[in-house]
Protein backbone atom coordinates (compact mmCIF):
# COMPACT_ATOMS: atom_id res chain seq x y z
CA UNK A 1 16.13 -10.62 -12.74
CA UNK A 2 13.17 -12.75 -11.64
CA UNK A 3 14.37 -14.46 -8.49
CA UNK A 4 13.05 -17.91 -7.51
CA UNK A 5 11.66 -17.87 -4.01
CA UNK A 6 12.26 -21.58 -3.35
CA UNK A 7 15.05 -23.62 -4.94
CA UNK A 8 15.40 -27.37 -4.43
CA UNK A 9 18.74 -29.03 -5.16
CA UNK A 10 19.23 -32.76 -5.79
CA UNK A 11 23.03 -33.20 -5.56
CA UNK A 12 23.59 -36.40 -7.54
CA UNK A 13 26.92 -37.84 -8.66
CA UNK A 14 29.22 -38.07 -5.63
CA UNK A 15 30.12 -41.72 -6.14
CA UNK A 16 30.56 -41.44 -9.91
CA UNK A 17 32.79 -38.40 -9.45
CA UNK A 18 34.99 -40.29 -7.00
CA UNK A 19 35.25 -43.22 -9.40
CA UNK A 20 36.46 -40.90 -12.16
CA UNK A 21 39.15 -39.68 -9.76
CA UNK A 22 40.20 -43.27 -9.07
CA UNK A 23 39.15 -42.92 -5.44
CA UNK A 24 36.58 -44.66 -3.19
CA UNK A 25 33.01 -43.38 -3.07
CA UNK A 26 33.58 -42.06 0.45
CA UNK A 27 35.88 -39.43 -1.04
CA UNK A 28 33.07 -38.26 -3.30
CA UNK A 29 30.70 -37.81 -0.37
CA UNK A 30 33.30 -35.70 1.43
CA UNK A 31 33.81 -33.47 -1.60
CA UNK A 32 30.06 -33.26 -2.05
CA UNK A 33 29.65 -31.86 1.48
CA UNK A 34 32.17 -29.14 0.67
CA UNK A 35 30.25 -28.29 -2.49
CA UNK A 36 27.09 -27.84 -0.43
CA UNK A 37 28.90 -25.20 1.64
CA UNK A 38 29.97 -23.29 -1.47
CA UNK A 39 26.52 -23.37 -3.07
CA UNK A 40 24.74 -22.31 0.11
CA UNK A 41 27.13 -19.39 0.48
CA UNK A 42 26.32 -18.36 -3.08
CA UNK A 43 22.58 -18.73 -2.46
CA UNK A 44 22.88 -16.32 0.47
CA UNK A 45 24.90 -13.87 -1.60
CA UNK A 46 22.18 -13.98 -4.27
CA UNK A 47 19.52 -13.64 -1.57
CA UNK A 48 17.53 -16.77 -2.42
CA UNK A 49 14.95 -16.85 0.40
CA UNK A 50 14.36 -20.61 0.61
CA UNK A 51 16.71 -23.47 -0.33
CA UNK A 52 16.00 -27.17 0.14
CA UNK A 53 18.68 -29.84 -0.24
CA UNK A 54 18.13 -33.53 -0.86
CA UNK A 55 20.39 -35.08 1.78
CA UNK A 56 19.60 -38.78 1.48
CA UNK A 57 16.74 -41.15 0.79
CA UNK A 58 15.53 -43.97 3.01
CA UNK A 59 17.16 -46.43 0.60
CA UNK A 60 20.49 -44.58 0.87
CA UNK A 61 20.73 -45.47 4.57
CA UNK A 62 18.97 -48.85 4.62
CA UNK A 63 20.22 -50.57 1.47
CA UNK A 64 23.80 -49.40 0.92
CA UNK A 65 27.01 -50.88 2.33
CA UNK A 66 26.99 -50.29 6.13
CA UNK A 67 30.54 -48.90 5.97
CA UNK A 68 29.47 -46.26 3.45
CA UNK A 69 26.37 -45.42 5.51
CA UNK A 70 28.47 -44.96 8.66
CA UNK A 71 30.75 -42.63 6.74
CA UNK A 72 27.74 -40.65 5.51
CA UNK A 73 26.49 -40.31 9.08
CA UNK A 74 29.91 -39.05 10.12
CA UNK A 75 29.90 -36.44 7.33
CA UNK A 76 26.38 -35.34 8.28
CA UNK A 77 27.34 -35.03 11.93
CA UNK A 78 30.41 -32.93 11.21
CA UNK A 79 28.60 -30.80 8.65
CA UNK A 80 25.59 -30.00 10.85
CA UNK A 81 27.80 -29.29 13.86
CA UNK A 82 29.71 -26.78 11.72
CA UNK A 83 26.47 -25.34 10.34
CA UNK A 84 25.15 -24.74 13.84
CA UNK A 85 28.20 -22.61 14.65
CA UNK A 86 28.30 -20.83 11.31
CA UNK A 87 28.73 -17.06 11.43
CA UNK A 88 26.95 -16.78 8.07
CA UNK A 89 23.92 -18.66 9.36
CA UNK A 90 23.75 -16.43 12.43
CA UNK A 91 24.32 -13.10 10.64
CA UNK A 92 21.86 -13.92 7.84
CA UNK A 93 19.30 -15.38 10.25
CA UNK A 94 18.95 -18.69 8.43
CA UNK A 95 16.40 -21.09 9.89
CA UNK A 96 17.51 -24.70 9.43
CA UNK A 97 15.11 -27.63 9.41
CA UNK A 98 15.14 -31.35 8.56
CA UNK A 99 12.36 -33.32 6.91
CA UNK A 100 12.16 -37.10 6.61
CA UNK A 101 12.44 -40.23 8.72
CA UNK A 102 15.78 -39.30 10.26
CA UNK A 103 14.38 -39.43 13.80
CA UNK A 104 13.70 -43.16 13.48
CA UNK A 105 16.67 -44.19 11.32
CA UNK A 106 19.68 -42.08 12.30
CA UNK A 107 22.07 -42.79 15.20
CA UNK A 108 21.57 -40.83 18.42
CA UNK A 109 24.77 -38.78 18.18
CA UNK A 110 23.78 -37.49 14.73
CA UNK A 111 20.19 -36.79 15.78
CA UNK A 112 21.45 -34.79 18.74
CA UNK A 113 23.54 -32.53 16.47
CA UNK A 114 20.64 -32.11 14.04
CA UNK A 115 18.26 -31.14 16.85
CA UNK A 116 20.81 -28.64 18.11
CA UNK A 117 21.10 -26.80 14.80
CA UNK A 118 17.30 -26.82 14.44
CA UNK A 119 16.90 -25.40 17.94
CA UNK A 120 19.69 -22.84 17.58
CA UNK A 121 18.15 -21.38 14.43
CA UNK A 122 14.46 -21.83 15.21
CA UNK A 123 13.86 -18.12 15.91
CA UNK A 124 15.32 -17.02 12.58
CA UNK A 125 13.01 -16.24 9.67
CA UNK A 126 14.97 -14.26 7.09
CA UNK A 127 16.12 -17.31 5.11
CA UNK A 128 15.04 -20.96 5.12
CA UNK A 129 17.39 -23.91 4.67
CA UNK A 130 15.80 -27.36 4.69
CA UNK A 131 17.44 -30.77 4.34
CA UNK A 132 15.55 -33.88 3.20
CA UNK A 133 17.04 -36.60 5.39
CA UNK A 134 16.01 -40.26 5.04
CA UNK A 135 13.26 -38.79 2.91
CA UNK A 136 10.75 -40.24 0.47
CA UNK A 137 8.05 -38.24 -1.24
CA UNK A 138 5.93 -41.38 -1.30
CA UNK A 139 6.25 -41.63 2.49
CA UNK A 140 5.31 -37.98 2.84
CA UNK A 141 2.21 -38.25 0.66
CA UNK A 142 1.00 -41.45 2.32
CA UNK A 143 1.50 -39.87 5.76
CA UNK A 144 -0.56 -36.86 4.67
CA UNK A 145 -3.37 -39.08 3.32
CA UNK A 146 -3.40 -41.12 6.53
CA UNK A 147 -3.51 -37.94 8.62
CA UNK A 148 -6.47 -36.65 6.60
CA UNK A 149 -8.19 -40.05 6.82
CA UNK A 150 -7.91 -40.07 10.61
CA UNK A 151 -9.48 -36.63 10.74
CA UNK A 152 -12.57 -38.17 9.09
CA UNK A 153 -13.85 -39.07 12.56
CA UNK A 154 -14.57 -35.39 13.09
CA UNK A 155 -18.39 -34.80 12.83
CA UNK A 156 -17.62 -31.75 10.69
CA UNK A 157 -14.60 -32.82 8.61
CA UNK A 158 -12.98 -30.23 6.39
CA UNK A 159 -13.50 -30.75 2.63
CA UNK A 160 -10.49 -32.19 0.85
CA UNK A 161 -8.93 -29.35 -1.13
CA UNK A 162 -5.38 -28.21 -1.97
CA UNK A 163 -5.12 -26.25 1.26
CA UNK A 164 -6.00 -29.27 3.39
CA UNK A 165 -3.48 -31.48 1.58
CA UNK A 166 -0.69 -28.92 1.99
CA UNK A 167 -1.55 -28.46 5.65
CA UNK A 168 -0.93 -32.18 6.28
CA UNK A 169 2.35 -32.53 4.38
CA UNK A 170 5.74 -32.61 6.12
CA UNK A 171 6.51 -29.52 4.04
CA UNK A 172 3.42 -27.68 5.30
CA UNK A 173 5.38 -24.55 6.23
CA UNK A 174 7.47 -24.37 3.04
CA UNK A 175 6.41 -22.35 -0.02
CA UNK A 176 5.83 -23.97 -3.44
CA UNK A 177 9.03 -24.89 -5.27
CA UNK A 178 9.98 -22.56 -8.13
CA UNK A 179 13.15 -24.27 -9.39
CA UNK A 180 14.58 -27.77 -9.05
CA UNK A 181 18.26 -28.27 -9.88
CA UNK A 182 19.42 -31.86 -10.36
CA UNK A 183 23.07 -32.63 -11.05
CA UNK A 184 24.64 -35.85 -12.31
CA UNK A 185 23.17 -36.17 -15.79
CA UNK A 186 20.30 -38.50 -14.89
CA UNK A 187 17.04 -36.54 -15.45
CA UNK A 188 14.76 -38.63 -13.29
CA UNK A 189 12.83 -37.98 -10.09
CA UNK A 190 13.81 -39.39 -6.71
CA UNK A 191 11.15 -41.30 -4.76
CA UNK A 192 8.41 -38.80 -5.59
CA UNK A 193 10.38 -35.92 -4.10
CA UNK A 194 8.08 -33.17 -2.81
CA UNK A 195 5.54 -34.20 -5.47
CA UNK A 196 2.91 -31.71 -4.28
CA UNK A 197 5.27 -28.75 -3.96
CA UNK A 198 7.03 -29.17 -7.32
CA UNK A 199 3.80 -29.22 -9.36
CA UNK A 200 4.63 -25.91 -11.08
CA UNK A 201 8.42 -25.94 -10.69
CA UNK A 202 10.89 -25.28 -13.46
CA UNK A 203 13.45 -28.08 -13.85
CA UNK A 204 17.18 -27.64 -14.47
CA UNK A 205 19.10 -30.84 -15.26
CA UNK A 206 22.87 -30.78 -15.69
CA UNK A 207 25.41 -33.49 -16.52
CA UNK A 208 27.82 -31.95 -14.01
CA UNK A 209 28.50 -34.36 -11.14
CA UNK A 210 27.74 -32.75 -7.80
CA UNK A 211 31.31 -32.32 -6.44
CA UNK A 212 32.15 -30.41 -9.65
CA UNK A 213 29.03 -28.22 -9.52
CA UNK A 214 30.22 -24.64 -9.15
CA UNK A 215 28.73 -21.39 -7.85
CA UNK A 216 28.93 -20.17 -11.45
CA UNK A 217 26.69 -22.99 -12.70
CA UNK A 218 24.30 -22.42 -9.80
CA UNK A 219 24.05 -18.79 -10.87
CA UNK A 220 23.51 -19.92 -14.48
CA UNK A 221 20.60 -22.10 -13.32
CA UNK A 222 19.01 -19.10 -11.61
CA UNK A 223 19.55 -17.03 -14.76
CA UNK A 224 17.90 -19.78 -16.80
CA UNK A 225 14.89 -19.58 -14.51
CA UNK A 226 14.79 -15.80 -14.85
CA UNK A 227 14.87 -16.02 -18.63
CA UNK A 228 12.00 -18.49 -18.96
CA UNK A 229 8.43 -17.28 -19.35
CA UNK A 230 6.21 -19.05 -16.83
CA UNK A 231 2.79 -19.72 -18.41
CA UNK A 232 1.39 -22.13 -15.79
CA UNK A 233 -0.69 -23.89 -18.44
CA UNK A 234 -2.31 -20.70 -19.73
């Protein structure tokens, strides 16, 4: 089948899933982290070269209840510490990276763990696993525009073209997105997520809340991509 090279996953629905179980939202976040592990394992089994996960937006960590945010940080810290020691990551040579404003917004203990997993896997190149952490596509695009604007002082500035824009994005070393999977039943975009990179992406929206999203449905999403003719406006 036609395999997507780069899959982006927006795992929405943790809090709603927990509410349906009659439990606090924190429980949903915990279950959601376990679902990430299952889906990433499946992605490796299916040999998807590049997977990007939406971890959290800037608003998720600046506007929500501080107790919930602290719990999210704790989940992130435990998850990334486990990821850094993962046998599957090591054997499959998965390079892990983080994109977003996490360096300025996250607590030091969490940043230390994130830097460790980035450093531990930096030499790997067989697979790519990227997390959008305290991320906003609007922030990313404005940062790219500002970077290009500052380069205008060069007496021989480069012409503005798609290559120059991509070069100045936070995602400059990631390939274009082929497939976006969004769970949770709300088919909307999140803060302009990777707006440049998803220009030609196929979209897969599902009503399944993230903690209930299974490896089988992930495989079905890939099959849906494989069965769709990509015309690219032609």
